[in-house]
Amino acid sequence: MIDLSKERKAFEKMWIEIGGNPINFTFDKNMYVWSSQEPKDKTETILIDLATRSINGAWAVFLTKEREKQSEIDKLKAKLAKVESGEWVIVPEEPTERMLDSAYSSISDNLHYADLENIYKAMIRVTQENEE
């Protein structure tokens, strides 16, 4: 599982200070806020707003990417569990000659090697697409 506290600290290394004023993460809002005194004028207010929006936008993208990575890890772990339990077996992406010979000898005389190879590849492709 992703340690968001650790990831947040890594993210913050890129955004420690903006314009000489530190930013702080607020856990209740799950976002960054400007931690300096009140802005001096309207220009500074606009710059602070743009800076915090940029940081929070980058944080949102960062979190999305981390969640996608974790999702992929979880999917791979689920697949591995199926292999370890014996529910799935690992097969080569390309059928071997021995596999094709075996399949060919077990079916009617109307099929050719090319048909068997296409059938095999289609089965593998469907399995990978459906991730079942």
Protein backbone atom coordinates (compact mmCIF):
# COMPACT_ATOMS: atom_id res chain seq x y z
CA MET A 1 0.00 0.00 0.00
CA ILE A 2 1.25 3.47 -0.82
CA ASP A 3 2.39 5.51 2.18
CA LEU A 4 0.81 8.88 1.33
CA SER A 5 2.66 10.64 4.13
CA LYS A 6 5.98 9.54 2.63
CA GLU A 7 4.81 10.43 -0.89
CA ARG A 8 3.61 13.86 0.27
CA LYS A 9 7.04 14.58 1.77
CA ALA A 10 8.72 13.58 -1.50
CA PHE A 11 6.32 15.82 -3.41
CA GLU A 12 7.00 18.74 -1.09
CA LYS A 13 10.73 18.62 -1.81
CA MET A 14 9.82 20.10 -5.18
CA TRP A 15 7.63 22.82 -3.61
CA ILE A 16 9.23 23.81 -0.31
CA GLU A 17 8.90 27.55 -0.74
CA ILE A 18 7.29 29.86 -3.26
CA GLY A 19 8.23 33.51 -3.31
CA GLY A 20 10.02 33.13 0.00
CA ASN A 21 6.87 32.03 1.83
CA PRO A 22 6.46 28.43 2.97
CA ILE A 23 3.47 26.30 2.14
CA ASN A 24 1.79 23.88 4.53
CA PHE A 25 -0.32 20.81 3.98
CA THR A 26 -3.70 20.78 5.74
CA PHE A 27 -4.88 17.26 6.48
CA ASP A 28 -8.49 18.28 7.10
CA LYS A 29 -8.80 19.66 3.56
CA ASN A 30 -6.14 17.39 1.98
CA MET A 31 -4.57 20.37 0.26
CA TYR A 32 -1.81 22.95 0.48
CA VAL A 33 -2.32 26.46 1.86
CA TRP A 34 -0.15 29.54 1.94
CA SER A 35 1.28 29.97 5.41
CA SER A 36 2.48 33.56 5.33
CA GLN A 37 0.88 36.72 6.58
CA GLU A 38 -1.88 38.48 4.69
CA PRO A 39 -0.98 39.62 1.16
CA LYS A 40 0.24 43.21 0.86
CA ASP A 41 -1.78 44.07 -2.22
CA LYS A 42 -4.04 42.71 -4.93
CA THR A 43 -1.09 41.57 -7.07
CA GLU A 44 0.33 39.51 -4.24
CA THR A 45 -3.12 38.04 -3.59
CA ILE A 46 -3.36 36.95 -7.22
CA LEU A 47 0.15 35.47 -7.18
CA ILE A 48 -0.54 33.58 -3.96
CA ASP A 49 -3.80 32.25 -5.38
CA LEU A 50 -2.09 31.12 -8.60
CA ALA A 51 0.75 29.51 -6.68
CA THR A 52 -1.48 27.55 -4.33
CA ARG A 53 -3.74 26.49 -7.21
CA SER A 54 -0.67 25.27 -9.09
CA ILE A 55 0.62 23.35 -6.12
CA ASN A 56 -2.76 21.79 -5.38
CA GLY A 57 -3.23 20.92 -9.04
CA ALA A 58 0.19 19.24 -9.10
CA TRP A 59 -0.68 17.42 -5.85
CA ALA A 60 -3.92 16.13 -7.38
CA VAL A 61 -2.06 14.84 -10.45
CA PHE A 62 0.63 13.32 -8.23
CA LEU A 63 -2.00 11.50 -6.14
CA THR A 64 -3.78 10.23 -9.25
CA LYS A 65 -0.55 8.79 -10.63
CA GLU A 66 0.30 7.15 -7.30
CA ARG A 67 -3.17 5.59 -7.10
CA GLU A 68 -2.80 4.29 -10.66
CA LYS A 69 0.52 2.70 -9.74
CA GLN A 70 -1.01 1.10 -6.65
CA SER A 71 -3.94 -0.18 -8.72
CA GLU A 72 -1.54 -1.82 -11.18
CA ILE A 73 0.40 -3.40 -8.30
CA ASP A 74 -2.85 -4.74 -6.83
CA LYS A 75 -3.88 -6.23 -10.20
CA LEU A 76 -0.52 -7.93 -10.61
CA LYS A 77 -0.69 -9.32 -7.07
CA ALA A 78 -4.16 -10.71 -7.79
CA LYS A 79 -2.87 -12.41 -10.95
CA LEU A 80 0.10 -13.83 -9.09
CA ALA A 81 -2.22 -15.19 -6.39
CA LYS A 82 -4.21 -17.02 -9.09
CA VAL A 83 -1.01 -18.61 -10.42
CA GLU A 84 0.17 -19.55 -6.93
CA SER A 85 -3.21 -21.12 -6.09
CA GLY A 86 -3.18 -23.21 -9.26
CA GLU A 87 -6.25 -21.47 -10.68
CA TRP A 88 -4.10 -20.12 -13.52
CA VAL A 89 -1.09 -21.51 -15.31
CA ILE A 90 1.67 -19.61 -17.04
CA VAL A 91 1.89 -20.26 -20.75
CA PRO A 92 4.13 -18.82 -23.44
CA GLU A 93 2.73 -15.96 -25.50
CA GLU A 94 3.74 -17.78 -28.70
CA PRO A 95 2.69 -21.45 -28.96
CA THR A 96 5.51 -23.97 -29.26
CA GLU A 97 5.65 -26.55 -32.03
CA ARG A 98 4.93 -29.26 -29.47
CA MET A 99 1.82 -27.41 -28.29
CA LEU A 100 0.61 -26.96 -31.85
CA ASP A 101 1.29 -30.63 -32.65
CA SER A 102 -0.65 -31.69 -29.60
CA ALA A 103 -3.59 -29.46 -30.40
CA TYR A 104 -3.57 -30.46 -34.06
CA SER A 105 -3.61 -34.17 -33.28
CA SER A 106 -6.56 -33.76 -30.93
CA ILE A 107 -8.94 -32.07 -33.40
CA SER A 108 -10.38 -32.65 -36.83
CA ASP A 109 -8.29 -32.84 -39.96
CA ASN A 110 -9.87 -29.65 -41.35
CA LEU A 111 -7.74 -27.22 -39.32
CA HIS A 112 -4.25 -26.05 -40.25
CA TYR A 113 -1.33 -24.87 -38.08
CA ALA A 114 -2.09 -21.22 -38.93
CA ASP A 115 -5.62 -21.67 -37.64
CA LEU A 116 -4.38 -23.20 -34.38
CA GLU A 117 -1.86 -20.42 -33.87
CA ASN A 118 -4.51 -17.75 -34.47
CA ILE A 119 -6.92 -19.49 -32.10
CA TYR A 120 -4.23 -19.72 -29.41
CA LYS A 121 -3.20 -16.07 -29.79
CA ALA A 122 -6.83 -14.97 -29.71
CA MET A 123 -7.39 -16.86 -26.45
CA ILE A 124 -4.31 -15.27 -24.89
CA ARG A 125 -5.28 -11.81 -26.16
CA VAL A 126 -8.82 -12.12 -24.76
CA THR A 127 -7.45 -13.27 -21.41
CA GLN A 128 -5.07 -10.32 -21.23
CA GLU A 129 -7.73 -7.80 -22.28
CA ASN A 130 -10.28 -9.05 -19.76
CA GLU A 131 -7.63 -9.58 -17.07
CA GLU A 132 -9.50 -12.58 -15.75
